PDB file of N, CA and C in Angstrom:
ATOM      1  N   MET A   1      -2.121  14.916 -10.590  1.00  0.00           N
ATOM      2  CA  MET A   1      -2.785  14.297  -9.177  1.00  0.00           C
ATOM      3  C   MET A   1      -4.206  14.088  -9.584  1.00  0.00           C
ATOM      4  N   GLN A   2      -4.796  12.942  -9.430  1.00  0.00           N
ATOM      5  CA  GLN A   2      -6.168  13.166  -9.486  1.00  0.00           C
ATOM      6  C   GLN A   2      -7.433  13.878  -8.560  1.00  0.00           C
ATOM      7  N   ALA A   3      -6.583  14.020  -7.671  1.00  0.00           N
ATOM      8  CA  ALA A   3      -7.859  14.914  -6.426  1.00  0.00           C
ATOM      9  C   ALA A   3      -8.044  16.227  -7.040  1.00  0.00           C
ATOM     10  N   THR A   4      -6.637  16.504  -8.276  1.00  0.00           N
ATOM     11  CA  THR A   4      -7.163  18.432  -8.470  1.00  0.00           C
ATOM     12  C   THR A   4      -7.597  18.260  -9.933  1.00  0.00           C
ATOM     13  N   ARG A   5      -8.068  17.463 -10.169  1.00  0.00           N
ATOM     14  CA  ARG A   5      -8.491  17.596 -11.872  1.00  0.00           C
ATOM     15  C   ARG A   5     -10.024  18.000 -11.784  1.00  0.00           C
ATOM     16  N   ALA A   6      -9.563  19.243 -12.686  1.00  0.00           N
ATOM     17  CA  ALA A   6     -10.486  20.125 -13.374  1.00  0.00           C
ATOM     18  C   ALA A   6     -11.602  19.954 -13.288  1.00  0.00           C
ATOM     19  N   THR A   7     -12.174  18.380 -13.862  1.00  0.00           N
ATOM     20  CA  THR A   7     -13.495  17.868 -14.202  1.00  0.00           C
ATOM     21  C   THR A   7     -13.701  17.412 -12.998  1.00  0.00           C
ATOM     22  N   ARG A   8     -13.597  17.057 -11.923  1.00  0.00           N
ATOM     23  CA  ARG A   8     -14.126  16.581 -10.925  1.00  0.00           C
ATOM     24  C   ARG A   8     -14.865  17.396 -10.395  1.00  0.00           C
ATOM     25  N   PRO A   9     -15.914  16.777  -9.426  1.00  0.00           N
ATOM     26  CA  PRO A   9     -17.060  17.967  -8.792  1.00  0.00           C
ATOM     27  C   PRO A   9     -16.593  18.438  -7.763  1.00  0.00           C
ATOM     28  N   ASP A  10     -15.947  18.120  -7.318  1.00  0.00           N
ATOM     29  CA  ASP A  10     -15.411  19.037  -6.149  1.00  0.00           C
ATOM     30  C   ASP A  10     -13.593  18.901  -5.849  1.00  0.00           C
ATOM     31  N   PRO A  11     -12.862  18.823  -6.931  1.00  0.00           N
ATOM     32  CA  PRO A  11     -11.391  19.104  -6.962  1.00  0.00           C
ATOM     33  C   PRO A  11     -10.963  19.975  -5.576  1.00  0.00           C
ATOM     34  N   LEU A  12      -9.983  19.460  -5.323  1.00  0.00           N
ATOM     35  CA  LEU A  12      -9.071  20.245  -4.459  1.00  0.00           C
ATOM     36  C   LEU A  12      -8.030  21.682  -5.052  1.00  0.00           C
ATOM     37  N   SER A  13      -7.888  22.545  -4.062  1.00  0.00           N
ATOM     38  CA  SER A  13      -7.077  23.346  -4.825  1.00  0.00           C
ATOM     39  C   SER A  13      -5.596  23.066  -5.202  1.00  0.00           C
ATOM     40  N   HIS A  14      -4.487  23.656  -5.712  1.00  0.00           N
ATOM     41  CA  HIS A  14      -2.882  23.806  -5.621  1.00  0.00           C
ATOM     42  C   HIS A  14      -2.542  23.152  -4.276  1.00  0.00           C
ATOM     43  N   ASP A  15      -3.129  24.626  -3.290  1.00  0.00           N
ATOM     44  CA  ASP A  15      -2.349  24.589  -1.712  1.00  0.00           C
ATOM     45  C   ASP A  15      -3.032  23.274  -1.100  1.00  0.00           C
ATOM     46  N   GLN A  16      -4.119  22.776  -1.541  1.00  0.00           N
ATOM     47  CA  GLN A  16      -4.438  21.964  -0.416  1.00  0.00           C
ATOM     48  C   GLN A  16      -4.279  20.615  -1.030  1.00  0.00           C
ATOM     49  N   ALA A  17      -4.037  20.407  -1.943  1.00  0.00           N
ATOM     50  CA  ALA A  17      -2.925  18.948  -2.321  1.00  0.00           C
ATOM     51  C   ALA A  17      -1.546  18.838  -1.752  1.00  0.00           C
ATOM     52  N   VAL A  18      -0.904  20.558  -1.515  1.00  0.00           N
ATOM     53  CA  VAL A  18       0.261  20.461  -1.236  1.00  0.00           C
ATOM     54  C   VAL A  18       0.482  19.787  -0.131  1.00  0.00           C
ATOM     55  N   GLY A  19      -0.319  20.948   0.732  1.00  0.00           N
ATOM     56  CA  GLY A  19      -0.827  20.438   2.444  1.00  0.00           C
ATOM     57  C   GLY A  19      -1.144  19.049   2.695  1.00  0.00           C
ATOM     58  N   LEU A  20      -2.092  18.712   1.778  1.00  0.00           N
ATOM     59  CA  LEU A  20      -2.037  17.282   2.148  1.00  0.00           C
ATOM     60  C   LEU A  20      -0.844  15.969   1.933  1.00  0.00           C
ATOM     61  N   VAL A  21      -0.159  16.010   0.686  1.00  0.00           N
ATOM     62  CA  VAL A  21       0.800  16.002   0.249  1.00  0.00           C
ATOM     63  C   VAL A  21       2.031  15.662   1.544  1.00  0.00           C
ATOM     64  N   GLU A  22       1.983  16.971   1.734  1.00  0.00           N
ATOM     65  CA  GLU A  22       3.206  17.189   2.885  1.00  0.00           C
ATOM     66  C   GLU A  22       2.813  16.469   4.207  1.00  0.00           C
ATOM     67  N   SER A  23       1.563  16.538   4.302  1.00  0.00           N
ATOM     68  CA  SER A  23       0.905  16.033   5.944  1.00  0.00           C
ATOM     69  C   SER A  23       1.414  14.255   5.954  1.00  0.00           C
ATOM     70  N   PHE A  24       1.641  13.715   4.879  1.00  0.00           N
ATOM     71  CA  PHE A  24       2.195  12.514   4.588  1.00  0.00           C
ATOM     72  C   PHE A  24       3.371  12.246   4.933  1.00  0.00           C
ATOM     73  N   LEU A  25       4.432  13.286   4.737  1.00  0.00           N
ATOM     74  CA  LEU A  25       5.465  13.032   5.506  1.00  0.00           C
ATOM     75  C   LEU A  25       5.889  12.481   6.670  1.00  0.00           C
ATOM     76  N   ARG A  26       5.172  12.481   7.476  1.00  0.00           N
ATOM     77  CA  ARG A  26       5.321  12.065   9.039  1.00  0.00           C
ATOM     78  C   ARG A  26       5.120  10.656   8.839  1.00  0.00           C
ATOM     79  N   PHE A  27       4.598   9.659   7.920  1.00  0.00           N
ATOM     80  CA  PHE A  27       5.013   8.655   7.885  1.00  0.00           C
ATOM     81  C   PHE A  27       6.164   8.224   7.247  1.00  0.00           C
ATOM     82  N   PRO A  28       6.595   6.897   7.380  1.00  0.00           N
ATOM     83  CA  PRO A  28       7.931   6.396   6.576  1.00  0.00           C
ATOM     84  C   PRO A  28       6.841   5.755   5.548  1.00  0.00           C
ATOM     85  N   VAL A  29       8.078   5.681   3.973  1.00  0.00           N
ATOM     86  CA  VAL A  29       7.708   5.275   2.860  1.00  0.00           C
ATOM     87  C   VAL A  29       8.840   4.555   2.394  1.00  0.00           C
ATOM     88  N   GLN A  30       8.229   3.383   1.713  1.00  0.00           N
ATOM     89  CA  GLN A  30       9.117   2.708   1.433  1.00  0.00           C
ATOM     90  C   GLN A  30       9.169   2.752  -0.283  1.00  0.00           C
ATOM     91  N   GLN A  31      10.584   2.672  -0.641  1.00  0.00           N
ATOM     92  CA  GLN A  31      10.750   2.831  -2.028  1.00  0.00           C
ATOM     93  C   GLN A  31      10.161   1.216  -2.552  1.00  0.00           C
ATOM     94  N   LEU A  32       9.915   1.362  -4.035  1.00  0.00           N
ATOM     95  CA  LEU A  32       9.550   0.048  -4.574  1.00  0.00           C
ATOM     96  C   LEU A  32      10.816   0.132  -5.757  1.00  0.00           C
ATOM     97  N   ASP A  33      11.804  -0.789  -4.909  1.00  0.00           N
ATOM     98  CA  ASP A  33      13.385  -0.942  -6.067  1.00  0.00           C
ATOM     99  C   ASP A  33      12.813  -2.717  -6.972  1.00  0.00           C
ATOM    100  N   VAL A  34      14.124  -2.893  -7.116  1.00  0.00           N
ATOM    101  CA  VAL A  34      13.983  -4.285  -7.899  1.00  0.00           C
ATOM    102  C   VAL A  34      14.249  -4.830  -7.075  1.00  0.00           C
ATOM    103  N   PRO A  35      14.727  -5.318  -6.014  1.00  0.00           N
ATOM    104  CA  PRO A  35      14.636  -6.758  -4.681  1.00  0.00           C
ATOM    105  C   PRO A  35      12.935  -6.840  -4.333  1.00  0.00           C
ATOM    106  N   LEU A  36      12.625  -5.230  -3.928  1.00  0.00           N
ATOM    107  CA  LEU A  36      11.448  -5.728  -3.425  1.00  0.00           C
ATOM    108  C   LEU A  36      10.481  -5.933  -4.785  1.00  0.00           C
ATOM    109  N   ALA A  37      10.342  -5.693  -5.902  1.00  0.00           N
ATOM    110  CA  ALA A  37       9.435  -6.032  -7.098  1.00  0.00           C
ATOM    111  C   ALA A  37       9.749  -7.713  -7.179  1.00  0.00           C
ATOM    112  N   LEU A  38      11.311  -7.937  -6.901  1.00  0.00           N
ATOM    113  CA  LEU A  38      11.015  -9.380  -7.154  1.00  0.00           C
ATOM    114  C   LEU A  38      10.477 -10.603  -5.996  1.00  0.00           C
ATOM    115  N   ASP A  39      10.511  -9.767  -5.008  1.00  0.00           N
ATOM    116  CA  ASP A  39      10.199 -10.537  -3.709  1.00  0.00           C
ATOM    117  C   ASP A  39       8.614 -10.161  -3.925  1.00  0.00           C
ATOM    118  N   ALA A  40       8.095  -9.705  -5.061  1.00  0.00           N
ATOM    119  CA  ALA A  40       6.379  -9.248  -4.799  1.00  0.00           C
ATOM    120  C   ALA A  40       5.823 -10.174  -5.688  1.00  0.00           C
ATOM    121  N   LEU A  41       6.870 -10.448  -6.719  1.00  0.00           N
ATOM    122  CA  LEU A  41       6.703 -11.375  -7.986  1.00  0.00           C
ATOM    123  C   LEU A  41       6.792 -12.825  -7.565  1.00  0.00           C
ATOM    124  N   ALA A  42       7.501 -13.042  -6.234  1.00  0.00           N
ATOM    125  CA  ALA A  42       7.880 -14.503  -5.379  1.00  0.00           C
ATOM    126  C   ALA A  42       6.713 -14.529  -4.882  1.00  0.00           C
ATOM    127  N   LEU A  43       6.061 -13.793  -4.030  1.00  0.00           N
ATOM    128  CA  LEU A  43       4.900 -13.915  -3.107  1.00  0.00           C
ATOM    129  C   LEU A  43       3.629 -14.208  -3.725  1.00  0.00           C
ATOM    130  N   ARG A  44       3.232 -13.136  -4.869  1.00  0.00           N
ATOM    131  CA  ARG A  44       2.351 -13.479  -6.002  1.00  0.00           C
ATOM    132  C   ARG A  44       2.271 -14.408  -6.646  1.00  0.00           C
ATOM    133  N   HIS A  45       3.175 -15.092  -7.085  1.00  0.00           N
ATOM    134  CA  HIS A  45       3.459 -16.585  -7.222  1.00  0.00           C
ATOM    135  C   HIS A  45       3.050 -17.673  -6.192  1.00  0.00           C
ATOM    136  N   ARG A  46       3.718 -17.481  -5.160  1.00  0.00           N
ATOM    137  CA  ARG A  46       3.482 -18.359  -3.945  1.00  0.00           C
ATOM    138  C   ARG A  46       2.013 -18.617  -3.640  1.00  0.00           C
ATOM    139  N   PHE A  47       1.528 -17.385  -3.411  1.00  0.00           N
ATOM    140  CA  PHE A  47       0.108 -17.025  -2.681  1.00  0.00           C
ATOM    141  C   PHE A  47      -1.031 -17.057  -4.007  1.00  0.00           C
ATOM    142  N   GLY A  48      -0.948 -16.965  -4.993  1.00  0.00           N
ATOM    143  CA  GLY A  48      -1.763 -16.540  -5.954  1.00  0.00           C
ATOM    144  C   GLY A  48      -2.634 -15.589  -5.590  1.00  0.00           C
ATOM    145  N   ILE A  49      -1.671 -14.075  -5.574  1.00  0.00           N
ATOM    146  CA  ILE A  49      -2.624 -12.598  -5.225  1.00  0.00           C
ATOM    147  C   ILE A  49      -1.910 -11.895  -6.467  1.00  0.00           C
ATOM    148  N   SER A  50      -2.591 -10.729  -6.679  1.00  0.00           N
ATOM    149  CA  SER A  50      -2.143  -9.623  -7.447  1.00  0.00           C
ATOM    150  C   SER A  50      -1.189  -9.385  -6.972  1.00  0.00           C
ATOM    151  N   TYR A  51      -0.211  -8.865  -8.205  1.00  0.00           N
ATOM    152  CA  TYR A  51       1.216  -7.818  -7.606  1.00  0.00           C
ATOM    153  C   TYR A  51       1.163  -7.225  -7.358  1.00  0.00           C
ATOM    154  N   TRP A  52       0.349  -6.073  -7.383  1.00  0.00           N
ATOM    155  CA  TRP A  52       0.295  -4.971  -6.129  1.00  0.00           C
ATOM    156  C   TRP A  52       0.016  -5.288  -4.749  1.00  0.00           C
ATOM    157  N   ASP A  53      -1.203  -6.365  -4.365  1.00  0.00           N
ATOM    158  CA  ASP A  53      -1.430  -6.307  -3.353  1.00  0.00           C
ATOM    159  C   ASP A  53       0.330  -7.092  -2.936  1.00  0.00           C
ATOM    160  N   ALA A  54       0.595  -7.861  -3.267  1.00  0.00           N
ATOM    161  CA  ALA A  54       2.230  -8.569  -2.944  1.00  0.00           C
ATOM    162  C   ALA A  54       2.898  -7.371  -2.735  1.00  0.00           C
ATOM    163  N   ALA A  55       3.314  -6.636  -3.634  1.00  0.00           N
ATOM    164  CA  ALA A  55       4.055  -4.948  -3.494  1.00  0.00           C
ATOM    165  C   ALA A  55       3.773  -4.508  -1.841  1.00  0.00           C
ATOM    166  N   ILE A  56       2.719  -4.310  -1.847  1.00  0.00           N
ATOM    167  CA  ILE A  56       1.772  -4.012  -0.519  1.00  0.00           C
ATOM    168  C   ILE A  56       2.681  -4.445   0.689  1.00  0.00           C
ATOM    169  N   ILE A  57       2.616  -6.183   0.602  1.00  0.00           N
ATOM    170  CA  ILE A  57       2.921  -6.751   2.007  1.00  0.00           C
ATOM    171  C   ILE A  57       4.199  -6.851   1.774  1.00  0.00           C
ATOM    172  N   GLU A  58       5.015  -6.347   0.743  1.00  0.00           N
ATOM    173  CA  GLU A  58       6.461  -6.839   0.408  1.00  0.00           C
ATOM    174  C   GLU A  58       6.808  -5.330   1.299  1.00  0.00           C
ATOM    175  N   ALA A  59       6.559  -4.508   0.687  1.00  0.00           N
ATOM    176  CA  ALA A  59       6.765  -2.930   1.194  1.00  0.00           C
ATOM    177  C   ALA A  59       6.632  -3.236   2.796  1.00  0.00           C
ATOM    178  N   ALA A  60       5.526  -3.559   3.803  1.00  0.00           N
ATOM    179  CA  ALA A  60       5.234  -3.424   4.721  1.00  0.00           C
ATOM    180  C   ALA A  60       6.487  -4.180   5.396  1.00  0.00           C
ATOM    181  N   ARG A  61       6.737  -5.351   4.786  1.00  0.00           N
ATOM    182  CA  ARG A  61       7.743  -6.996   5.061  1.00  0.00           C
ATOM    183  C   ARG A  61       9.202  -5.292   5.430  1.00  0.00           C
ATOM    184  N   ALA A  62       9.374  -4.972   4.592  1.00  0.00           N
ATOM    185  CA  ALA A  62      10.669  -3.853   4.720  1.00  0.00           C
ATOM    186  C   ALA A  62      10.501  -3.287   5.583  1.00  0.00           C
ATOM    187  N   LEU A  63       9.285  -2.129   6.067  1.00  0.00           N
ATOM    188  CA  LEU A  63       9.589  -1.035   6.662  1.00  0.00           C
ATOM    189  C   LEU A  63       9.321  -1.891   8.033  1.00  0.00           C
ATOM    190  N   GLY A  64       9.315  -3.175   8.468  1.00  0.00           N
ATOM    191  CA  GLY A  64       9.261  -3.838   9.519  1.00  0.00           C
ATOM    192  C   GLY A  64       7.762  -4.419  10.380  1.00  0.00           C
ATOM    193  N   CYS A  65       6.572  -3.887   9.285  1.00  0.00           N
ATOM    194  CA  CYS A  65       5.179  -4.185   9.597  1.00  0.00           C
ATOM    195  C   CYS A  65       5.115  -5.598   9.569  1.00  0.00           C
ATOM    196  N   HIS A  66       4.107  -6.048  10.659  1.00  0.00           N
ATOM    197  CA  HIS A  66       3.789  -7.644  10.762  1.00  0.00           C
ATOM    198  C   HIS A  66       2.413  -7.919  10.424  1.00  0.00           C
ATOM    199  N   THR A  67       1.450  -6.301  10.272  1.00  0.00           N
ATOM    200  CA  THR A  67       0.321  -6.342  10.351  1.00  0.00           C
ATOM    201  C   THR A  67      -0.278  -5.342   8.874  1.00  0.00           C
ATOM    202  N   VAL A  68      -0.885  -5.975   7.893  1.00  0.00           N
ATOM    203  CA  VAL A  68      -1.508  -5.197   6.972  1.00  0.00           C
ATOM    204  C   VAL A  68      -2.688  -5.185   7.193  1.00  0.00           C
ATOM    205  N   LEU A  69      -3.431  -3.481   6.987  1.00  0.00           N
ATOM    206  CA  LEU A  69      -4.730  -3.802   6.975  1.00  0.00           C
ATOM    207  C   LEU A  69      -5.703  -3.615   5.403  1.00  0.00           C
ATOM    208  N   SER A  70      -6.236  -4.745   5.163  1.00  0.00           N
ATOM    209  CA  SER A  70      -7.164  -4.591   4.072  1.00  0.00           C
ATOM    210  C   SER A  70      -8.439  -5.537   4.137  1.00  0.00           C
ATOM    211  N   GLU A  71      -9.432  -4.569   2.974  1.00  0.00           N
ATOM    212  CA  GLU A  71     -10.116  -5.834   2.946  1.00  0.00           C
ATOM    213  C   GLU A  71     -10.310  -6.515   1.600  1.00  0.00           C
ATOM    214  N   ASP A  72      -9.291  -6.708   1.098  1.00  0.00           N
ATOM    215  CA  ASP A  72      -9.420  -7.275  -0.008  1.00  0.00           C
ATOM    216  C   ASP A  72      -8.784  -8.588   0.191  1.00  0.00           C
ATOM    217  N   LEU A  73      -7.620  -8.324   0.818  1.00  0.00           N
ATOM    218  CA  LEU A  73      -7.308 -10.258   0.863  1.00  0.00           C
ATOM    219  C   LEU A  73      -8.020 -10.236   2.077  1.00  0.00           C
ATOM    220  N   GLY A  74      -7.541 -11.735   2.427  1.00  0.00           N
ATOM    221  CA  GLY A  74      -8.003 -12.525   3.373  1.00  0.00           C
ATOM    222  C   GLY A  74      -7.616 -12.434   4.676  1.00  0.00           C
ATOM    223  N   GLU A  75      -9.086 -12.146   5.249  1.00  0.00           N
ATOM    224  CA  GLU A  75      -8.651 -11.988   7.414  1.00  0.00           C
ATOM    225  C   GLU A  75      -7.704 -13.253   7.930  1.00  0.00           C
ATOM    226  N   GLY A  76      -6.747 -12.593   8.379  1.00  0.00           N
ATOM    227  CA  GLY A  76      -6.016 -13.851   8.529  1.00  0.00           C
ATOM    228  C   GLY A  76      -4.953 -14.228   8.374  1.00  0.00           C
ATOM    229  N   THR A  77      -5.175 -14.049   6.975  1.00  0.00           N
ATOM    230  CA  THR A  77      -4.185 -15.120   5.756  1.00  0.00           C
ATOM    231  C   THR A  77      -2.640 -14.194   6.543  1.00  0.00           C
ATOM    232  N   ASP A  78      -1.400 -15.222   6.707  1.00  0.00           N
ATOM    233  CA  ASP A  78      -0.315 -14.868   6.938  1.00  0.00           C
ATOM    234  C   ASP A  78       0.889 -15.134   6.007  1.00  0.00           C
ATOM    235  N   TYR A  79       1.118 -14.053   5.382  1.00  0.00           N
ATOM    236  CA  TYR A  79       2.262 -14.189   3.916  1.00  0.00           C
ATOM    237  C   TYR A  79       3.385 -13.933   4.817  1.00  0.00           C
ATOM    238  N   SER A  80       4.112 -15.008   5.005  1.00  0.00           N
ATOM    239  CA  SER A  80       5.426 -15.248   5.188  1.00  0.00           C
ATOM    240  C   SER A  80       5.700 -14.586   6.393  1.00  0.00           C
ATOM    241  N   GLY A  81       4.498 -14.063   7.368  1.00  0.00           N
ATOM    242  CA  GLY A  81       5.276 -13.056   8.534  1.00  0.00           C
ATOM    243  C   GLY A  81       4.582 -11.804   8.518  1.00  0.00           C
ATOM    244  N   VAL A  82       3.493 -11.747   7.527  1.00  0.00           N
ATOM    245  CA  VAL A  82       2.934 -10.368   7.837  1.00  0.00           C
ATOM    246  C   VAL A  82       1.442 -10.980   7.287  1.00  0.00           C
ATOM    247  N   THR A  83       0.742 -10.587   8.246  1.00  0.00           N
ATOM    248  CA  THR A  83      -0.655 -11.097   8.469  1.00  0.00           C
ATOM    249  C   THR A  83      -1.669  -9.689   8.608  1.00  0.00           C
ATOM    250  N   VAL A  84      -3.213 -10.235   7.279  1.00  0.00           N
ATOM    251  CA  VAL A  84      -3.703  -9.582   6.694  1.00  0.00           C
ATOM    252  C   VAL A  84      -5.342  -9.009   7.967  1.00  0.00           C
ATOM    253  N   GLU A  85      -4.874  -7.856   8.033  1.00  0.00           N
ATOM    254  CA  GLU A  85      -6.286  -7.979   8.893  1.00  0.00           C
ATOM    255  C   GLU A  85      -7.753  -6.957   8.196  1.00  0.00           C
ATOM    256  N   ASN A  86      -8.604  -7.360   8.657  1.00  0.00           N
ATOM    257  CA  ASN A  86      -9.874  -6.249   8.078  1.00  0.00           C
ATOM    258  C   ASN A  86     -10.408  -5.534   8.779  1.00  0.00           C
ATOM    259  N   PRO A  87      -9.629  -4.074   8.446  1.00  0.00           N
ATOM    260  CA  PRO A  87     -10.486  -3.089   9.446  1.00  0.00           C
ATOM    261  C   PRO A  87     -11.889  -2.892   9.739  1.00  0.00           C
ATOM    262  N   PHE A  88     -12.835  -3.340   8.841  1.00  0.00           N
ATOM    263  CA  PHE A  88     -13.813  -3.211   8.659  1.00  0.00           C
ATOM    264  C   PHE A  88     -14.532  -4.197   9.558  1.00  0.00           C
ATOM    265  N   ARG A  89     -14.205  -5.484  10.222  1.00  0.00           N
ATOM    266  CA  ARG A  89     -14.751  -6.168  10.746  1.00  0.00           C
ATOM    267  C   ARG A  89     -14.928  -5.968  12.385  1.00  0.00           C
TER     268      ARG A  89
END
């Protein structure tokens, strides 16, 4: 985990890192599986976005989300039912 790397100027302790990861357990997590990866590749091809951005959108779709927050993707763009909102606007 990069946050605990000793060469960081402010590394987290092991216990801090464990506590942080455990705090994320309250959020649903979408597994990256073959069907999701194939859907992301199709979305990437259709919209000309990066694979990783497409995977985020497809993971959101799989979890039933209709909005993704991103400063990198186009504000208001509708990716087949998942719309991008820039949280910094």
